[in-house]
C-alpha atoms as a PDB file:
ATOM      1  CA  MET A   1      -4.981   1.219 -29.556  1.00  0.00           C
ATOM      2  CA  GLN A   2      -4.392   4.672 -27.562  1.00  0.00           C
ATOM      3  CA  ARG A   3      -5.605   3.050 -24.449  1.00  0.00           C
ATOM      4  CA  ARG A   4      -3.205   0.139 -24.620  1.00  0.00           C
ATOM      5  CA  ALA A   5       0.091   3.148 -25.089  1.00  0.00           C
ATOM      6  CA  PHE A   6      -1.941   4.755 -21.876  1.00  0.00           C
ATOM      7  CA  VAL A   7      -1.599   1.827 -20.305  1.00  0.00           C
ATOM      8  CA  ARG A   8       1.862   1.195 -21.026  1.00  0.00           C
ATOM      9  CA  SER A   9       2.952   4.905 -20.316  1.00  0.00           C
ATOM     10  CA  ALA A  10       1.319   4.073 -16.750  1.00  0.00           C
ATOM     11  CA  ALA A  11       3.187   1.107 -16.019  1.00  0.00           C
ATOM     12  CA  ALA A  12       5.957   2.667 -16.692  1.00  0.00           C
ATOM     13  CA  VAL A  13       6.313   5.315 -14.128  1.00  0.00           C
ATOM     14  CA  GLY A  14       4.922   2.531 -11.879  1.00  0.00           C
ATOM     15  CA  VAL A  15       0.912   3.709 -11.915  1.00  0.00           C
ATOM     16  CA  LEU A  16      -0.975   0.718 -12.334  1.00  0.00           C
ATOM     17  CA  TRP A  17      -5.034   1.185 -11.740  1.00  0.00           C
ATOM     18  CA  ALA A  18      -6.427  -1.721 -10.344  1.00  0.00           C
ATOM     19  CA  LEU A  19      -9.559  -3.854 -11.167  1.00  0.00           C
ATOM     20  CA  PRO A  20     -12.884  -2.663  -9.155  1.00  0.00           C
ATOM     21  CA  ALA A  21     -13.486  -4.717  -5.323  1.00  0.00           C
ATOM     22  CA  ARG A  22     -15.225  -7.173  -5.066  1.00  0.00           C
ATOM     23  CA  ALA A  23     -15.658  -8.040  -0.917  1.00  0.00           C
ATOM     24  CA  ALA A  24     -15.523  -5.822   1.557  1.00  0.00           C
ATOM     25  CA  ASP A  25     -13.800  -8.070   4.660  1.00  0.00           C
ATOM     26  CA  PRO A  26     -10.942  -9.682   3.129  1.00  0.00           C
ATOM     27  CA  ALA A  27      -8.882 -11.684   5.691  1.00  0.00           C
ATOM     28  CA  SER A  28      -5.623 -10.373   7.084  1.00  0.00           C
ATOM     29  CA  ILE A  29      -2.260 -10.944   8.505  1.00  0.00           C
ATOM     30  CA  ASP A  30      -0.942  -9.581  11.262  1.00  0.00           C
ATOM     31  CA  VAL A  31       3.286  -8.283  12.208  1.00  0.00           C
ATOM     32  CA  THR A  32       5.523  -6.322  12.987  1.00  0.00           C
ATOM     33  CA  ALA A  33       7.755  -4.733  10.308  1.00  0.00           C
ATOM     34  CA  LYS A  34      10.672  -2.387   9.764  1.00  0.00           C
ATOM     35  CA  LEU A  35       9.646   0.110   6.917  1.00  0.00           C
ATOM     36  CA  VAL A  36      12.733  -0.083   4.803  1.00  0.00           C
ATOM     37  CA  GLU A  37      12.145   1.568   1.374  1.00  0.00           C
ATOM     38  CA  ILE A  38      10.120   4.916   0.385  1.00  0.00           C
ATOM     39  CA  PRO A  39      10.843   4.926  -3.560  1.00  0.00           C
ATOM     40  CA  SER A  40      10.048   8.692  -3.719  1.00  0.00           C
ATOM     41  CA  GLN A  41       8.015  11.395  -2.355  1.00  0.00           C
ATOM     42  CA  PHE A  42       4.143  10.789  -2.099  1.00  0.00           C
ATOM     43  CA  PRO A  43       2.012  12.838  -4.787  1.00  0.00           C
ATOM     44  CA  PRO A  44       0.029  15.318  -3.172  1.00  0.00           C
ATOM     45  CA  ASP A  45      -3.476  14.487  -2.075  1.00  0.00           C
ATOM     46  CA  ASP A  46      -5.029  17.109  -3.867  1.00  0.00           C
ATOM     47  CA  LEU A  47      -4.287  15.626  -7.237  1.00  0.00           C
ATOM     48  CA  TYR A  48      -5.980  12.053  -7.035  1.00  0.00           C
ATOM     49  CA  ASP A  49      -6.742   8.971  -4.414  1.00  0.00           C
ATOM     50  CA  TYR A  50      -4.550   6.422  -4.305  1.00  0.00           C
ATOM     51  CA  ALA A  51      -2.152   4.272  -2.464  1.00  0.00           C
ATOM     52  CA  TYR A  52       1.734   3.922  -2.101  1.00  0.00           C
ATOM     53  CA  VAL A  53       3.662   1.130  -1.851  1.00  0.00           C
ATOM     54  CA  MET A  54       6.446   0.353   0.718  1.00  0.00           C
ATOM     55  CA  ARG A  55       8.958  -1.947   1.328  1.00  0.00           C
ATOM     56  CA  TYR A  56       9.640  -3.337   4.432  1.00  0.00           C
ATOM     57  CA  GLN A  57      11.268  -6.511   6.245  1.00  0.00           C
ATOM     58  CA  VAL A  58       8.972  -8.293   8.794  1.00  0.00           C
ATOM     59  CA  THR A  59      10.386  -8.790  12.334  1.00  0.00           C
ATOM     60  CA  GLY A  60       7.533 -10.950  14.045  1.00  0.00           C
ATOM     61  CA  GLY A  61       4.674 -13.034  12.394  1.00  0.00           C
ATOM     62  CA  PRO A  62       3.951 -15.322  10.284  1.00  0.00           C
ATOM     63  CA  LEU A  63       5.960 -14.066   7.825  1.00  0.00           C
ATOM     64  CA  ASP A  64       8.882 -13.392   9.529  1.00  0.00           C
ATOM     65  CA  LYS A  65      12.381 -12.191   7.913  1.00  0.00           C
ATOM     66  CA  GLN A  66      10.488 -11.792   4.315  1.00  0.00           C
ATOM     67  CA  SER A  67      10.758  -8.894   2.866  1.00  0.00           C
ATOM     68  CA  ILE A  68       7.246  -7.884   1.527  1.00  0.00           C
ATOM     69  CA  LEU A  69       5.634  -5.139  -0.179  1.00  0.00           C
ATOM     70  CA  VAL A  70       2.493  -2.599   1.083  1.00  0.00           C
ATOM     71  CA  ALA A  71       0.658  -0.332  -0.407  1.00  0.00           C
ATOM     72  CA  HIS A  72      -1.315   1.816   2.343  1.00  0.00           C
ATOM     73  CA  TYR A  73      -3.640   4.494   1.099  1.00  0.00           C
ATOM     74  CA  LYS A  74      -2.775   8.220   1.457  1.00  0.00           C
ATOM     75  CA  PRO A  75       0.231   7.851   2.994  1.00  0.00           C
ATOM     76  CA  ARG A  76       0.317  11.821   3.596  1.00  0.00           C
ATOM     77  CA  GLN A  77      -2.079  11.348   6.109  1.00  0.00           C
ATOM     78  CA  PRO A  78      -2.094  10.533   9.632  1.00  0.00           C
ATOM     79  CA  ARG A  79      -4.356   6.925   9.390  1.00  0.00           C
ATOM     80  CA  ASN A  80      -7.005   8.006  12.370  1.00  0.00           C
ATOM     81  CA  LYS A  81      -7.169  11.299   9.619  1.00  0.00           C
ATOM     82  CA  ILE A  82      -8.530   8.995   7.295  1.00  0.00           C
ATOM     83  CA  LYS A  83     -12.531   9.568   7.306  1.00  0.00           C
ATOM     84  CA  ASP A  84     -13.137   9.034   3.381  1.00  0.00           C
ATOM     85  CA  LYS A  85     -14.866   6.201   1.840  1.00  0.00           C
ATOM     86  CA  MET A  86     -12.255   4.493   2.728  1.00  0.00           C
ATOM     87  CA  LYS A  87     -12.103   4.779   6.021  1.00  0.00           C
ATOM     88  CA  PRO A  88     -13.648   1.022   7.131  1.00  0.00           C
ATOM     89  CA  PHE A  89     -10.132  -0.279   5.285  1.00  0.00           C
ATOM     90  CA  VAL A  90      -7.367   1.883   6.776  1.00  0.00           C
ATOM     91  CA  ARG A  91      -7.090   2.447  10.224  1.00  0.00           C
ATOM     92  CA  GLY A  92      -4.221   2.689  13.386  1.00  0.00           C
ATOM     93  CA  LYS A  93      -1.936   5.158  14.944  1.00  0.00           C
ATOM     94  CA  VAL A  94       0.662   5.949  12.760  1.00  0.00           C
ATOM     95  CA  ARG A  95       1.232  10.186  11.866  1.00  0.00           C
ATOM     96  CA  SER A  96       3.535   9.956   8.834  1.00  0.00           C
ATOM     97  CA  PHE A  97       5.797   7.145   7.338  1.00  0.00           C
ATOM     98  CA  SER A  98       9.593   7.713   7.717  1.00  0.00           C
ATOM     99  CA  THR A  99      12.623   4.725   6.564  1.00  0.00           C
ATOM    100  CA  GLY A 100      13.680   2.882   9.533  1.00  0.00           C
ATOM    101  CA  ASP A 101      10.043   3.506  11.077  1.00  0.00           C
ATOM    102  CA  VAL A 102       9.321   0.037  13.385  1.00  0.00           C
ATOM    103  CA  HIS A 103       5.528  -0.546  12.188  1.00  0.00           C
ATOM    104  CA  LYS A 104       2.438  -3.360  13.615  1.00  0.00           C
ATOM    105  CA  LEU A 105       0.567  -3.743  10.251  1.00  0.00           C
ATOM    106  CA  LYS A 106      -2.832  -6.118   9.621  1.00  0.00           C
ATOM    107  CA  LEU A 107      -2.397  -6.731   6.178  1.00  0.00           C
ATOM    108  CA  THR A 108      -3.995  -8.238   3.143  1.00  0.00           C
ATOM    109  CA  ALA A 109      -3.262  -9.769   0.376  1.00  0.00           C
ATOM    110  CA  GLU A 110      -6.579  -9.312  -1.200  1.00  0.00           C
ATOM    111  CA  LEU A 111      -5.859  -5.834  -2.099  1.00  0.00           C
ATOM    112  CA  LYS A 112      -7.547  -5.990  -5.195  1.00  0.00           C
ATOM    113  CA  LYS A 113     -10.596  -6.599  -3.080  1.00  0.00           C
ATOM    114  CA  VAL A 114     -10.455  -3.645  -1.276  1.00  0.00           C
ATOM    115  CA  TRP A 115      -8.125  -0.860  -3.423  1.00  0.00           C
ATOM    116  CA  THR A 116     -10.446   0.034  -6.648  1.00  0.00           C
ATOM    117  CA  GLY A 117      -8.714   3.414  -7.614  1.00  0.00           C
ATOM    118  CA  ALA A 118      -4.388   3.767  -8.598  1.00  0.00           C
ATOM    119  CA  LEU A 119      -1.751   2.096  -7.272  1.00  0.00           C
ATOM    120  CA  VAL A 120       1.988   4.220  -7.150  1.00  0.00           C
ATOM    121  CA  ASP A 121       4.022   1.092  -7.240  1.00  0.00           C
ATOM    122  CA  GLU A 122       7.692   1.753  -9.102  1.00  0.00           C
ATOM    123  CA  PHE A 123       8.915  -1.657  -7.652  1.00  0.00           C
ATOM    124  CA  ALA A 124       6.040  -2.763 -10.420  1.00  0.00           C
ATOM    125  CA  ALA A 125       8.825  -2.281 -13.311  1.00  0.00           C
ATOM    126  CA  THR A 126      11.679  -4.741 -12.096  1.00  0.00           C
ATOM    127  CA  ASP A 127       9.505  -7.002  -9.358  1.00  0.00           C
ATOM    128  CA  ARG A 128       6.008  -7.779 -10.790  1.00  0.00           C
ATOM    129  CA  LYS A 129       5.937 -10.862  -9.512  1.00  0.00           C
ATOM    130  CA  SER A 130       5.820 -10.438  -5.729  1.00  0.00           C
ATOM    131  CA  VAL A 131       2.034 -10.558  -3.568  1.00  0.00           C
ATOM    132  CA  ARG A 132       1.698  -6.493  -2.643  1.00  0.00           C
ATOM    133  CA  TYR A 133      -0.309  -6.257   0.579  1.00  0.00           C
ATOM    134  CA  TRP A 134      -2.400  -3.739   1.676  1.00  0.00           C
ATOM    135  CA  CYS A 135      -2.068  -2.217   4.943  1.00  0.00           C
ATOM    136  CA  LEU A 136      -5.392  -2.191   6.700  1.00  0.00           C
ATOM    137  CA  GLU A 137      -3.821  -1.079   9.959  1.00  0.00           C
ATOM    138  CA  ALA A 138      -0.736   0.313  11.320  1.00  0.00           C
ATOM    139  CA  ASP A 139       0.204   1.536  14.543  1.00  0.00           C
ATOM    140  CA  PRO A 140       3.504   2.103  16.300  1.00  0.00           C
ATOM    141  CA  ALA A 141       5.434  -0.434  17.178  1.00  0.00           C
END
């Protein structure tokens, strides 16, 4: 009973725990997109490993003109400085994330196959149906 209460509490504040990873080579989609929403400040990196969900508006590629939700691993760190176990799944030249930035993104819709840790998803309270993409690579456009 206490575990259910904790899970509901965690979901209420936008923190969801992902299931264990299954595969290491997810299919990818390349898009160009404008970062349109970062719902709050990123958590400190020293508390725990996490991925943070942001909203993009796609301006090129197979998802053109769509609004998408993208999870980035430890967004406080430049992509090329990630050196831990997630290095094979986090690449690119983006140094920081700011609303209005345009990025070239390599995404996978198979987030749960890549990420096994905490997912900070403040969109979960109002949008549980949209796909959460994992960002494999982020470069300035």
